[in-house]
Amino acid sequence: MVYCMETVIVGLFTLIKMGIVTAFKKWDWWENNGSRTKVHGVFHMLFFLVHYGFFVAIQIFLFSKTSIFDSSKDFGFFNFLFSIPSNFNGSSWIMLSSFVIGYGYKNLTEFILTDEYKTASLTTVMFEPYIRIFIQQFTVIAGSFILLFNAGNVFILFFALVKIFFLVAIDYEGLMKKAVADQASKTSHS
């Protein structure tokens, strides 16, 4: 559940970053099928909220259907969602708090102190957490197969190993910056 809520925390900090960029720039480019339109930052934020929210809802749905937390219950989507706080123990709250503090510090201090918000593309900021969603969807789906064999501890180990591997092996920020630079290069040559 903490892993699931971590995705929500990342999304909230992404919205905060998008809000900061919007407060500074107001408008930014929206690219779709080769066309570019300048739209208000609030549009980017609403799009992200719906689109990212959809993926988070799918993840919560998958968690609720796998019932990894109590195999005797068949959690419905909303029952699962509203039962999350009551299923947290002290360690869960500590982990969740550390995610809020860690992500808050890393995302906001780097973003603000380096003045990145002044030049950041809203589209780039908006898509930063999507690699995480892909990894989590893969992990949940693959992990669900492990749960079919009542191997909950193996599932948690699988979760941890996949997350650690992707955090260590992939430079997300570098990939995003390269993609933005490549896109800017293509746009300037057009």
Protein backbone atom coordinates (compact mmCIF):
# COMPACT_ATOMS: atom_id res chain seq x y z
CA MET A 1 0.00 0.00 0.00
CA VAL A 2 2.88 2.35 0.75
CA TYR A 3 4.26 1.61 -2.73
CA CYS A 4 0.88 2.51 -4.20
CA MET A 5 0.64 5.69 -2.14
CA GLU A 6 4.20 6.62 -3.15
CA THR A 7 2.89 7.00 -6.71
CA VAL A 8 0.20 9.37 -5.44
CA ILE A 9 2.86 11.40 -3.58
CA VAL A 10 5.00 11.64 -6.73
CA GLY A 11 1.94 12.81 -8.66
CA LEU A 12 1.14 15.48 -6.06
CA PHE A 13 4.68 16.84 -6.18
CA THR A 14 4.52 16.84 -9.97
CA LEU A 15 1.34 18.92 -9.76
CA ILE A 16 3.07 21.31 -7.34
CA LYS A 17 6.02 21.67 -9.73
CA MET A 18 3.63 22.28 -12.62
CA GLY A 19 1.86 24.89 -10.51
CA ILE A 20 5.16 26.67 -9.85
CA VAL A 21 6.02 26.68 -13.57
CA THR A 22 2.51 27.91 -14.39
CA ALA A 23 2.77 30.71 -11.82
CA PHE A 24 6.05 31.82 -13.42
CA LYS A 25 5.33 31.27 -17.15
CA LYS A 26 1.52 31.09 -17.33
CA TRP A 27 1.55 29.58 -20.86
CA ASP A 28 3.57 26.80 -22.48
CA TRP A 29 3.59 24.75 -25.66
CA TRP A 30 1.32 21.76 -26.11
CA GLU A 31 2.44 19.43 -28.87
CA ASN A 32 0.07 16.99 -30.51
CA ASN A 33 0.62 15.08 -33.76
CA GLY A 34 3.24 17.51 -35.00
CA SER A 35 1.27 20.66 -34.26
CA ARG A 36 2.14 23.10 -31.50
CA THR A 37 -0.32 25.26 -29.61
CA LYS A 38 0.36 27.57 -26.71
CA VAL A 39 -1.98 26.72 -23.84
CA HIS A 40 -2.30 27.87 -20.24
CA GLY A 41 -0.43 25.84 -17.65
CA VAL A 42 -3.70 24.95 -15.93
CA PHE A 43 -4.59 22.90 -19.04
CA HIS A 44 -1.38 20.89 -18.60
CA MET A 45 -2.20 20.40 -14.93
CA LEU A 46 -5.76 19.24 -15.58
CA PHE A 47 -4.58 16.88 -18.32
CA PHE A 48 -1.98 15.42 -15.96
CA LEU A 49 -4.50 15.09 -13.15
CA VAL A 50 -6.90 13.08 -15.33
CA HIS A 51 -4.29 11.06 -17.25
CA TYR A 52 -1.99 10.25 -14.33
CA GLY A 53 -5.03 9.76 -12.11
CA PHE A 54 -6.26 7.13 -14.55
CA PHE A 55 -3.03 5.15 -14.22
CA VAL A 56 -3.09 5.49 -10.44
CA ALA A 57 -6.70 4.25 -10.43
CA ILE A 58 -5.66 1.21 -12.51
CA GLN A 59 -2.84 0.52 -10.08
CA ILE A 60 -5.18 0.79 -7.09
CA PHE A 61 -7.66 -1.46 -8.89
CA LEU A 62 -4.94 -4.07 -9.48
CA PHE A 63 -3.89 -3.88 -5.83
CA SER A 64 -7.49 -4.22 -4.71
CA LYS A 65 -8.06 -7.28 -6.90
CA THR A 66 -4.88 -9.06 -5.89
CA SER A 67 -5.80 -8.59 -2.23
CA ILE A 68 -2.18 -8.97 -1.22
CA PHE A 69 -2.82 -7.41 2.14
CA ASP A 70 -5.49 -9.79 3.36
CA SER A 71 -6.09 -12.83 1.20
CA SER A 72 -9.33 -13.61 3.04
CA LYS A 73 -10.96 -10.41 1.72
CA ASP A 74 -11.96 -9.39 -1.77
CA PHE A 75 -11.40 -5.66 -1.66
CA GLY A 76 -13.52 -3.55 -3.95
CA PHE A 77 -11.84 -0.53 -5.50
CA PHE A 78 -13.32 2.09 -3.16
CA ASN A 79 -13.19 -0.19 -0.10
CA PHE A 80 -9.51 -0.70 -0.79
CA LEU A 81 -8.92 3.00 -1.36
CA PHE A 82 -10.66 4.09 1.83
CA SER A 83 -9.17 1.26 3.89
CA ILE A 84 -5.58 2.24 3.13
CA PRO A 85 -5.08 4.47 6.22
CA SER A 86 -6.59 1.89 8.57
CA ASN A 87 -4.29 -0.82 7.18
CA PHE A 88 -1.14 1.21 7.81
CA ASN A 89 0.93 0.35 10.83
CA GLY A 90 3.60 2.50 12.46
CA SER A 91 6.28 1.43 9.98
CA SER A 92 3.98 2.23 7.06
CA TRP A 93 3.40 5.76 8.34
CA ILE A 94 7.14 6.26 8.84
CA MET A 95 7.85 5.08 5.28
CA LEU A 96 5.08 7.27 3.87
CA SER A 97 6.32 10.28 5.84
CA SER A 98 9.87 9.67 4.63
CA PHE A 99 8.59 9.62 1.03
CA VAL A 100 6.76 12.92 1.53
CA ILE A 101 9.82 14.55 3.12
CA GLY A 102 12.32 12.99 0.69
CA TYR A 103 10.37 13.70 -2.49
CA GLY A 104 9.40 17.12 -1.24
CA TYR A 105 12.97 18.07 -0.48
CA LYS A 106 14.47 16.56 -3.64
CA ASN A 107 11.81 17.79 -6.04
CA LEU A 108 11.19 21.23 -4.71
CA THR A 109 14.62 22.35 -3.53
CA GLU A 110 16.40 21.25 -6.70
CA PHE A 111 13.62 22.66 -8.84
CA ILE A 112 13.44 26.02 -7.07
CA LEU A 113 17.06 26.64 -5.97
CA THR A 114 18.45 25.90 -9.44
CA ASP A 115 15.79 28.13 -11.05
CA GLU A 116 14.77 25.16 -13.20
CA TYR A 117 11.14 26.27 -12.92
CA LYS A 118 11.97 29.31 -15.05
CA THR A 119 12.99 27.24 -18.08
CA ALA A 120 11.23 23.92 -17.50
CA SER A 121 8.77 22.73 -20.09
CA LEU A 122 5.41 21.84 -18.57
CA THR A 123 5.24 18.83 -20.86
CA THR A 124 8.59 17.58 -19.55
CA VAL A 125 7.60 18.09 -15.93
CA MET A 126 4.24 16.44 -16.61
CA PHE A 127 5.75 13.28 -18.09
CA GLU A 128 8.58 12.80 -15.53
CA PRO A 129 6.63 10.33 -13.32
CA TYR A 130 5.36 8.15 -16.19
CA ILE A 131 8.41 5.88 -16.26
CA ARG A 132 7.59 5.10 -12.65
CA ILE A 133 4.01 4.20 -13.63
CA PHE A 134 5.28 1.84 -16.33
CA ILE A 135 7.60 0.10 -13.86
CA GLN A 136 4.85 -0.18 -11.27
CA GLN A 137 2.30 -1.54 -13.73
CA PHE A 138 4.83 -4.15 -14.87
CA THR A 139 5.68 -5.03 -11.28
CA VAL A 140 2.04 -5.31 -10.19
CA ILE A 141 1.04 -7.45 -13.18
CA ALA A 142 4.08 -9.74 -12.93
CA GLY A 143 3.74 -9.82 -9.14
CA SER A 144 0.09 -10.84 -9.44
CA PHE A 145 1.20 -14.06 -11.07
CA ILE A 146 3.44 -14.71 -8.07
CA LEU A 147 0.43 -14.18 -5.80
CA LEU A 148 -1.47 -16.90 -7.62
CA PHE A 149 0.86 -19.30 -5.85
CA ASN A 150 0.27 -17.66 -2.43
CA ALA A 151 3.83 -16.37 -2.31
CA GLY A 152 3.22 -12.94 -0.75
CA ASN A 153 6.74 -12.60 0.63
CA VAL A 154 8.22 -13.38 -2.78
CA PHE A 155 5.92 -10.71 -4.23
CA ILE A 156 7.23 -8.08 -1.80
CA LEU A 157 10.82 -9.14 -2.55
CA PHE A 158 10.08 -8.93 -6.29
CA PHE A 159 8.64 -5.42 -5.78
CA ALA A 160 11.71 -4.26 -3.89
CA LEU A 161 14.22 -5.76 -6.34
CA VAL A 162 12.53 -4.33 -9.42
CA LYS A 163 12.30 -0.88 -7.86
CA ILE A 164 15.93 -0.92 -6.72
CA PHE A 165 17.10 -2.14 -10.14
CA PHE A 166 15.33 0.63 -12.02
CA LEU A 167 16.38 3.33 -9.54
CA VAL A 168 20.03 2.31 -9.79
CA ALA A 169 20.25 1.28 -13.45
CA ILE A 170 18.32 4.07 -15.17
CA ASP A 171 19.05 7.79 -15.10
CA TYR A 172 15.48 9.07 -15.51
CA GLU A 173 16.37 12.73 -15.37
CA GLY A 174 19.14 12.29 -17.92
CA LEU A 175 16.80 10.44 -20.28
CA MET A 176 14.14 13.14 -19.95
CA LYS A 177 16.65 15.94 -20.57
CA LYS A 178 18.02 14.13 -23.63
CA ALA A 179 14.51 13.59 -25.00
CA VAL A 180 13.69 17.28 -24.49
CA ALA A 181 16.94 18.35 -26.15
CA ASP A 182 16.31 16.00 -29.10
CA GLN A 183 12.76 17.33 -29.46
CA ALA A 184 13.97 20.93 -29.32
CA SER A 185 16.58 20.12 -31.96
CA LYS A 186 13.95 18.58 -34.25
CA THR A 187 11.61 21.53 -33.72
CA SER A 188 14.31 24.12 -34.47
CA HIS A 189 15.28 22.31 -37.69
CA SER A 190 11.67 22.17 -38.90
